[in-house]
Amino acid sequence: MGYFFNGPRNAIAAHLTPPGGRWDNGALAAMKEDVRALGPDFALTGPPLIFEEIRSSIVRENIFATIIAFAGNWIVVWLHFRRLRDAALVMLPVTAGSLLTVGAMGAIGIPFNFFNVAGIALVFGFGVDYGIYYMQSRRESPSGGAVEALRRTGGSIALCAATTLASCGSLILSHYRGLASIGAVLCLGGCFCLLSTILLLPSLIDALERPGPRKFGRVVKDTE
């Protein structure tokens, strides 16, 4: 009882449970109006209200961290490969995978919270590896084209992704929804980065390197 009553301050607190298991924006707005109508001696507080107040700050900081992660990875990759095109191709799968992860979160109803809001920046940390493995193999053994490079590295990339999914997937089993949600976000990121690396990247490289009749937007006539 002492948890809800403060004798020296002559104050009392009430713990309110949300209808349906969680507070939605409509229920919170109605609750705010009801408490405001009780007078200045009453106040409404709690994690949902606090998170709502700092949501914009969290989103802004997460976007900033993601930009730093992207820029840092780009610089490191460029310093290794020393070619702007190769660095862009390495960054393509992890960028596409991160964007697909955010889209999938919206599609299946995974909201951002204090934990998974940093998940996208973490995806850049491990998702960029897949493109590095593939491009390194492509440069070391250019014969055989993009498909041959995928044959050499596809198994290793899939194994790397599988170990990442096993580690991050263990968080999904957590009873705490925050940890479970970041595990789900990281697993989505790993899957989409893997698919982008083995499907999108080789197809794009093959299209760029395939000889064709068009050069600089003009049709080249065969004179032989």
C-alpha atoms as a PDB file:
ATOM      1  CA  MET A   1       0.000   0.000   0.000  1.00  0.00           C
ATOM      2  CA  GLY A   2       2.943   2.314   0.705  1.00  0.00           C
ATOM      3  CA  TYR A   3       3.891   2.067  -2.955  1.00  0.00           C
ATOM      4  CA  PHE A   4       0.679   3.871  -3.926  1.00  0.00           C
ATOM      5  CA  PHE A   5       0.370   6.256  -0.941  1.00  0.00           C
ATOM      6  CA  ASN A   6       2.820   8.921   0.211  1.00  0.00           C
ATOM      7  CA  GLY A   7       1.817  10.037   3.702  1.00  0.00           C
ATOM      8  CA  PRO A   8       4.184  13.021   4.153  1.00  0.00           C
ATOM      9  CA  ARG A   9       3.097  14.539   0.857  1.00  0.00           C
ATOM     10  CA  ASN A  10      -0.507  13.407   1.242  1.00  0.00           C
ATOM     11  CA  ALA A  11      -0.367  12.012  -2.292  1.00  0.00           C
ATOM     12  CA  ILE A  12      -1.887   8.907  -3.806  1.00  0.00           C
ATOM     13  CA  ALA A  13      -1.063   7.133  -7.067  1.00  0.00           C
ATOM     14  CA  ALA A  14      -3.127   4.806  -9.195  1.00  0.00           C
ATOM     15  CA  HIS A  15      -1.749   2.197 -11.587  1.00  0.00           C
ATOM     16  CA  LEU A  16      -3.777   2.049 -14.795  1.00  0.00           C
ATOM     17  CA  THR A  17      -3.747  -0.947 -17.134  1.00  0.00           C
ATOM     18  CA  PRO A  18      -4.358  -0.386 -20.847  1.00  0.00           C
ATOM     19  CA  PRO A  19      -7.419  -1.802 -22.559  1.00  0.00           C
ATOM     20  CA  GLY A  20      -6.504  -4.668 -24.851  1.00  0.00           C
ATOM     21  CA  GLY A  21      -3.033  -5.161 -23.361  1.00  0.00           C
ATOM     22  CA  ARG A  22      -1.342  -1.974 -24.599  1.00  0.00           C
ATOM     23  CA  TRP A  23      -1.943   1.759 -24.827  1.00  0.00           C
ATOM     24  CA  ASP A  24      -2.745   3.128 -28.247  1.00  0.00           C
ATOM     25  CA  ASN A  25      -2.699   6.800 -29.206  1.00  0.00           C
ATOM     26  CA  GLY A  26      -6.466   7.168 -28.996  1.00  0.00           C
ATOM     27  CA  ALA A  27      -6.715   5.698 -25.495  1.00  0.00           C
ATOM     28  CA  LEU A  28      -3.791   7.829 -24.271  1.00  0.00           C
ATOM     29  CA  ALA A  29      -5.331  11.009 -25.689  1.00  0.00           C
ATOM     30  CA  ALA A  30      -8.659  10.278 -24.004  1.00  0.00           C
ATOM     31  CA  MET A  31      -6.890   9.510 -20.714  1.00  0.00           C
ATOM     32  CA  LYS A  32      -4.981  12.796 -20.864  1.00  0.00           C
ATOM     33  CA  GLU A  33      -8.215  14.729 -21.295  1.00  0.00           C
ATOM     34  CA  ASP A  34      -9.884  12.894 -18.389  1.00  0.00           C
ATOM     35  CA  VAL A  35      -6.947  13.564 -16.046  1.00  0.00           C
ATOM     36  CA  ARG A  36      -6.704  17.215 -17.137  1.00  0.00           C
ATOM     37  CA  ALA A  37     -10.391  17.639 -16.307  1.00  0.00           C
ATOM     38  CA  LEU A  38      -9.738  16.493 -12.721  1.00  0.00           C
ATOM     39  CA  GLY A  39      -7.723  19.632 -11.995  1.00  0.00           C
ATOM     40  CA  PRO A  40      -4.124  20.768 -11.506  1.00  0.00           C
ATOM     41  CA  ASP A  41      -3.532  18.398  -8.589  1.00  0.00           C
ATOM     42  CA  PHE A  42      -3.673  15.361 -10.864  1.00  0.00           C
ATOM     43  CA  ALA A  43      -0.992  14.259 -13.316  1.00  0.00           C
ATOM     44  CA  LEU A  44      -0.628  11.377 -15.764  1.00  0.00           C
ATOM     45  CA  THR A  45       2.760   9.750 -16.352  1.00  0.00           C
ATOM     46  CA  GLY A  46       4.290   6.453 -17.397  1.00  0.00           C
ATOM     47  CA  PRO A  47       6.557   4.841 -20.028  1.00  0.00           C
ATOM     48  CA  PRO A  48       4.094   5.272 -22.940  1.00  0.00           C
ATOM     49  CA  LEU A  49       3.848   9.015 -22.292  1.00  0.00           C
ATOM     50  CA  ILE A  50       7.593   9.420 -21.785  1.00  0.00           C
ATOM     51  CA  PHE A  51       8.352   7.528 -24.992  1.00  0.00           C
ATOM     52  CA  GLU A  52       5.840   9.640 -26.881  1.00  0.00           C
ATOM     53  CA  GLU A  53       7.574  12.790 -25.668  1.00  0.00           C
ATOM     54  CA  ILE A  54      11.056  11.691 -26.735  1.00  0.00           C
ATOM     55  CA  ARG A  55      10.078   9.685 -29.830  1.00  0.00           C
ATOM     56  CA  SER A  56      11.142  12.418 -32.246  1.00  0.00           C
ATOM     57  CA  SER A  57      14.510  12.739 -30.518  1.00  0.00           C
ATOM     58  CA  ILE A  58      15.049   8.976 -30.662  1.00  0.00           C
ATOM     59  CA  VAL A  59      14.163   8.822 -34.351  1.00  0.00           C
ATOM     60  CA  ARG A  60      16.454  11.770 -35.107  1.00  0.00           C
ATOM     61  CA  GLU A  61      19.382  10.224 -33.221  1.00  0.00           C
ATOM     62  CA  ASN A  62      18.807   6.866 -34.910  1.00  0.00           C
ATOM     63  CA  ILE A  63      18.836   8.478 -38.357  1.00  0.00           C
ATOM     64  CA  PHE A  64      22.069  10.265 -37.434  1.00  0.00           C
ATOM     65  CA  ALA A  65      23.658   7.011 -36.210  1.00  0.00           C
ATOM     66  CA  THR A  66      22.570   5.209 -39.383  1.00  0.00           C
ATOM     67  CA  ILE A  67      24.116   7.921 -41.555  1.00  0.00           C
ATOM     68  CA  ILE A  68      27.370   7.667 -39.592  1.00  0.00           C
ATOM     69  CA  ALA A  69      27.339   3.864 -39.958  1.00  0.00           C
ATOM     70  CA  PHE A  70      26.728   4.152 -43.704  1.00  0.00           C
ATOM     71  CA  ALA A  71      29.451   6.788 -44.193  1.00  0.00           C
ATOM     72  CA  GLY A  72      31.948   4.917 -42.002  1.00  0.00           C
ATOM     73  CA  ASN A  73      31.406   1.659 -43.861  1.00  0.00           C
ATOM     74  CA  TRP A  74      31.660   3.424 -47.220  1.00  0.00           C
ATOM     75  CA  ILE A  75      35.015   4.989 -46.266  1.00  0.00           C
ATOM     76  CA  VAL A  76      36.459   1.708 -44.989  1.00  0.00           C
ATOM     77  CA  VAL A  77      35.288  -0.202 -48.076  1.00  0.00           C
ATOM     78  CA  TRP A  78      36.638   2.475 -50.428  1.00  0.00           C
ATOM     79  CA  LEU A  79      40.012   2.463 -48.662  1.00  0.00           C
ATOM     80  CA  HIS A  80      40.208  -1.289 -49.244  1.00  0.00           C
ATOM     81  CA  PHE A  81      38.980  -1.573 -52.838  1.00  0.00           C
ATOM     82  CA  ARG A  82      40.228   1.841 -54.022  1.00  0.00           C
ATOM     83  CA  ARG A  83      37.501   2.056 -56.645  1.00  0.00           C
ATOM     84  CA  LEU A  84      34.368   4.118 -56.252  1.00  0.00           C
ATOM     85  CA  ARG A  85      32.277   1.711 -58.324  1.00  0.00           C
ATOM     86  CA  ASP A  86      33.368  -1.329 -56.332  1.00  0.00           C
ATOM     87  CA  ALA A  87      32.652   0.473 -53.053  1.00  0.00           C
ATOM     88  CA  ALA A  88      29.172   1.403 -54.305  1.00  0.00           C
ATOM     89  CA  LEU A  89      28.489  -2.192 -55.349  1.00  0.00           C
ATOM     90  CA  VAL A  90      29.608  -3.488 -51.938  1.00  0.00           C
ATOM     91  CA  MET A  91      27.312  -1.034 -50.164  1.00  0.00           C
ATOM     92  CA  LEU A  92      24.324  -1.790 -52.388  1.00  0.00           C
ATOM     93  CA  PRO A  93      23.146  -5.051 -50.704  1.00  0.00           C
ATOM     94  CA  VAL A  94      23.330  -3.708 -47.140  1.00  0.00           C
ATOM     95  CA  THR A  95      21.577  -0.481 -48.154  1.00  0.00           C
ATOM     96  CA  ALA A  96      18.815  -2.369 -49.958  1.00  0.00           C
ATOM     97  CA  GLY A  97      18.559  -4.842 -47.076  1.00  0.00           C
ATOM     98  CA  SER A  98      18.189  -2.048 -44.519  1.00  0.00           C
ATOM     99  CA  LEU A  99      15.471  -0.314 -46.526  1.00  0.00           C
ATOM    100  CA  LEU A 100      13.615  -3.608 -46.984  1.00  0.00           C
ATOM    101  CA  THR A 101      13.905  -4.240 -43.232  1.00  0.00           C
ATOM    102  CA  VAL A 102      12.194  -0.947 -42.404  1.00  0.00           C
ATOM    103  CA  GLY A 103       9.483  -1.703 -44.963  1.00  0.00           C
ATOM    104  CA  ALA A 104       8.953  -5.210 -43.574  1.00  0.00           C
ATOM    105  CA  MET A 105       8.653  -3.821 -40.039  1.00  0.00           C
ATOM    106  CA  GLY A 106       5.802  -1.616 -41.195  1.00  0.00           C
ATOM    107  CA  ALA A 107       4.181  -4.437 -43.157  1.00  0.00           C
ATOM    108  CA  ILE A 108       4.150  -6.959 -40.303  1.00  0.00           C
ATOM    109  CA  GLY A 109       3.508  -4.407 -37.547  1.00  0.00           C
ATOM    110  CA  ILE A 110       6.782  -4.222 -35.611  1.00  0.00           C
ATOM    111  CA  PRO A 111       6.855  -0.723 -34.029  1.00  0.00           C
ATOM    112  CA  PHE A 112      10.078   1.079 -33.180  1.00  0.00           C
ATOM    113  CA  ASN A 113      10.922   1.071 -29.469  1.00  0.00           C
ATOM    114  CA  PHE A 114      13.875   1.924 -27.213  1.00  0.00           C
ATOM    115  CA  PHE A 115      15.677  -1.276 -28.190  1.00  0.00           C
ATOM    116  CA  ASN A 116      15.076  -1.946 -31.869  1.00  0.00           C
ATOM    117  CA  VAL A 117      15.422   1.705 -32.888  1.00  0.00           C
ATOM    118  CA  ALA A 118      19.193   1.094 -33.137  1.00  0.00           C
ATOM    119  CA  GLY A 119      18.710  -2.105 -35.113  1.00  0.00           C
ATOM    120  CA  ILE A 120      19.154  -0.510 -38.546  1.00  0.00           C
ATOM    121  CA  ALA A 121      22.582   0.877 -37.621  1.00  0.00           C
ATOM    122  CA  LEU A 122      23.538  -2.594 -36.360  1.00  0.00           C
ATOM    123  CA  VAL A 123      22.379  -4.150 -39.637  1.00  0.00           C
ATOM    124  CA  PHE A 124      24.925  -1.979 -41.445  1.00  0.00           C
ATOM    125  CA  GLY A 125      27.571  -3.423 -39.128  1.00  0.00           C
ATOM    126  CA  PHE A 126      27.157  -7.072 -40.134  1.00  0.00           C
ATOM    127  CA  GLY A 127      25.235  -6.816 -43.420  1.00  0.00           C
ATOM    128  CA  VAL A 128      28.089  -5.100 -45.254  1.00  0.00           C
ATOM    129  CA  ASP A 129      30.244  -8.218 -44.797  1.00  0.00           C
ATOM    130  CA  TYR A 130      28.318 -10.184 -47.417  1.00  0.00           C
ATOM    131  CA  GLY A 131      29.015  -7.705 -50.191  1.00  0.00           C
ATOM    132  CA  ILE A 132      32.690  -7.508 -49.160  1.00  0.00           C
ATOM    133  CA  TYR A 133      33.092 -11.287 -49.406  1.00  0.00           C
ATOM    134  CA  TYR A 134      31.505 -11.395 -52.822  1.00  0.00           C
ATOM    135  CA  MET A 135      33.382  -8.410 -54.295  1.00  0.00           C
ATOM    136  CA  GLN A 136      36.723  -9.588 -52.911  1.00  0.00           C
ATOM    137  CA  SER A 137      36.270 -12.960 -54.605  1.00  0.00           C
ATOM    138  CA  ARG A 138      35.196 -11.218 -57.809  1.00  0.00           C
ATOM    139  CA  ARG A 139      38.356  -9.109 -57.882  1.00  0.00           C
ATOM    140  CA  GLU A 140      40.730 -11.948 -56.977  1.00  0.00           C
ATOM    141  CA  SER A 141      39.338 -14.262 -59.667  1.00  0.00           C
ATOM    142  CA  PRO A 142      37.607 -12.194 -62.356  1.00  0.00           C
ATOM    143  CA  SER A 143      37.362 -15.109 -64.802  1.00  0.00           C
ATOM    144  CA  GLY A 144      33.958 -16.725 -65.006  1.00  0.00           C
ATOM    145  CA  GLY A 145      31.970 -13.562 -64.393  1.00  0.00           C
ATOM    146  CA  ALA A 146      29.543 -12.656 -61.653  1.00  0.00           C
ATOM    147  CA  VAL A 147      27.877 -16.075 -61.545  1.00  0.00           C
ATOM    148  CA  GLU A 148      31.159 -17.890 -60.947  1.00  0.00           C
ATOM    149  CA  ALA A 149      32.006 -15.504 -58.103  1.00  0.00           C
ATOM    150  CA  LEU A 150      28.660 -16.358 -56.523  1.00  0.00           C
ATOM    151  CA  ARG A 151      29.421 -20.082 -56.820  1.00  0.00           C
ATOM    152  CA  ARG A 152      32.725 -19.573 -55.015  1.00  0.00           C
ATOM    153  CA  THR A 153      31.390 -17.414 -52.196  1.00  0.00           C
ATOM    154  CA  GLY A 154      27.661 -18.135 -51.991  1.00  0.00           C
ATOM    155  CA  GLY A 155      28.045 -20.956 -49.485  1.00  0.00           C
ATOM    156  CA  SER A 156      30.340 -18.945 -47.211  1.00  0.00           C
ATOM    157  CA  ILE A 157      28.019 -15.926 -47.334  1.00  0.00           C
ATOM    158  CA  ALA A 158      25.005 -18.097 -46.500  1.00  0.00           C
ATOM    159  CA  LEU A 159      26.911 -19.733 -43.620  1.00  0.00           C
ATOM    160  CA  CYS A 160      27.892 -16.327 -42.249  1.00  0.00           C
ATOM    161  CA  ALA A 161      24.272 -15.171 -42.457  1.00  0.00           C
ATOM    162  CA  ALA A 162      23.042 -18.386 -40.789  1.00  0.00           C
ATOM    163  CA  THR A 163      25.317 -17.915 -37.773  1.00  0.00           C
ATOM    164  CA  THR A 164      24.199 -14.289 -37.480  1.00  0.00           C
ATOM    165  CA  LEU A 165      20.534 -15.310 -37.640  1.00  0.00           C
ATOM    166  CA  ALA A 166      21.097 -18.014 -35.016  1.00  0.00           C
ATOM    167  CA  SER A 167      22.676 -15.514 -32.624  1.00  0.00           C
ATOM    168  CA  CYS A 168      20.214 -12.674 -33.195  1.00  0.00           C
ATOM    169  CA  GLY A 169      17.270 -15.055 -33.394  1.00  0.00           C
ATOM    170  CA  SER A 170      17.892 -16.197 -29.837  1.00  0.00           C
ATOM    171  CA  LEU A 171      16.720 -12.754 -28.682  1.00  0.00           C
ATOM    172  CA  ILE A 172      13.279 -13.415 -30.169  1.00  0.00           C
ATOM    173  CA  LEU A 173      12.738 -16.042 -27.468  1.00  0.00           C
ATOM    174  CA  SER A 174      13.061 -13.368 -24.763  1.00  0.00           C
ATOM    175  CA  HIS A 175       9.944 -12.727 -22.700  1.00  0.00           C
ATOM    176  CA  TYR A 176      10.741  -9.000 -22.737  1.00  0.00           C
ATOM    177  CA  ARG A 177       9.198  -7.480 -25.843  1.00  0.00           C
ATOM    178  CA  GLY A 178      11.988  -4.943 -26.329  1.00  0.00           C
ATOM    179  CA  LEU A 179      14.686  -7.591 -26.648  1.00  0.00           C
ATOM    180  CA  ALA A 180      12.432  -9.808 -28.740  1.00  0.00           C
ATOM    181  CA  SER A 181      11.738  -6.986 -31.166  1.00  0.00           C
ATOM    182  CA  ILE A 182      15.403  -6.135 -31.725  1.00  0.00           C
ATOM    183  CA  GLY A 183      16.058  -9.813 -32.392  1.00  0.00           C
ATOM    184  CA  ALA A 184      13.298  -9.787 -35.002  1.00  0.00           C
ATOM    185  CA  VAL A 185      14.657  -6.616 -36.629  1.00  0.00           C
ATOM    186  CA  LEU A 186      18.204  -7.999 -36.819  1.00  0.00           C
ATOM    187  CA  CYS A 187      16.941 -11.276 -38.288  1.00  0.00           C
ATOM    188  CA  LEU A 188      14.976  -9.403 -40.929  1.00  0.00           C
ATOM    189  CA  GLY A 189      18.054  -7.340 -41.732  1.00  0.00           C
ATOM    190  CA  GLY A 190      20.232 -10.430 -42.042  1.00  0.00           C
ATOM    191  CA  CYS A 191      17.775 -12.161 -44.374  1.00  0.00           C
ATOM    192  CA  PHE A 192      17.292  -9.146 -46.631  1.00  0.00           C
ATOM    193  CA  CYS A 193      21.033  -8.395 -46.811  1.00  0.00           C
ATOM    194  CA  LEU A 194      21.690 -12.032 -47.728  1.00  0.00           C
ATOM    195  CA  LEU A 195      19.030 -12.044 -50.452  1.00  0.00           C
ATOM    196  CA  SER A 196      20.248  -8.718 -51.826  1.00  0.00           C
ATOM    197  CA  THR A 197      23.817 -10.023 -51.983  1.00  0.00           C
ATOM    198  CA  ILE A 198      23.109 -13.310 -53.739  1.00  0.00           C
ATOM    199  CA  LEU A 199      20.313 -12.062 -56.024  1.00  0.00           C
ATOM    200  CA  LEU A 200      20.679  -8.328 -56.642  1.00  0.00           C
ATOM    201  CA  LEU A 201      24.451  -7.837 -56.612  1.00  0.00           C
ATOM    202  CA  PRO A 202      25.468 -10.581 -59.107  1.00  0.00           C
ATOM    203  CA  SER A 203      22.634  -9.608 -61.454  1.00  0.00           C
ATOM    204  CA  LEU A 204      23.672  -5.963 -61.439  1.00  0.00           C
ATOM    205  CA  ILE A 205      27.371  -6.747 -61.971  1.00  0.00           C
ATOM    206  CA  ASP A 206      26.507  -9.139 -64.799  1.00  0.00           C
ATOM    207  CA  ALA A 207      24.378  -6.455 -66.465  1.00  0.00           C
ATOM    208  CA  LEU A 208      27.150  -3.846 -66.100  1.00  0.00           C
ATOM    209  CA  GLU A 209      29.881  -6.101 -67.486  1.00  0.00           C
ATOM    210  CA  ARG A 210      27.922  -7.879 -70.184  1.00  0.00           C
ATOM    211  CA  PRO A 211      29.058  -6.780 -73.668  1.00  0.00           C
ATOM    212  CA  GLY A 212      26.240  -5.328 -75.754  1.00  0.00           C
ATOM    213  CA  PRO A 213      25.547  -3.297 -78.860  1.00  0.00           C
ATOM    214  CA  ARG A 214      24.831  -0.083 -76.918  1.00  0.00           C
ATOM    215  CA  LYS A 215      27.609   2.302 -75.871  1.00  0.00           C
ATOM    216  CA  PHE A 216      27.025   5.761 -74.449  1.00  0.00           C
ATOM    217  CA  GLY A 217      23.359   5.617 -75.419  1.00  0.00           C
ATOM    218  CA  ARG A 218      23.982   5.016 -79.149  1.00  0.00           C
ATOM    219  CA  VAL A 219      23.603   1.852 -81.169  1.00  0.00           C
ATOM    220  CA  VAL A 220      26.971   0.704 -82.537  1.00  0.00           C
ATOM    221  CA  LYS A 221      26.701  -0.758 -86.019  1.00  0.00           C
ATOM    222  CA  ASP A 222      28.713  -3.888 -86.761  1.00  0.00           C
ATOM    223  CA  THR A 223      30.976  -3.077 -89.733  1.00  0.00           C
ATOM    224  CA  GLU A 224      32.230  -6.605 -90.291  1.00  0.00           C
END
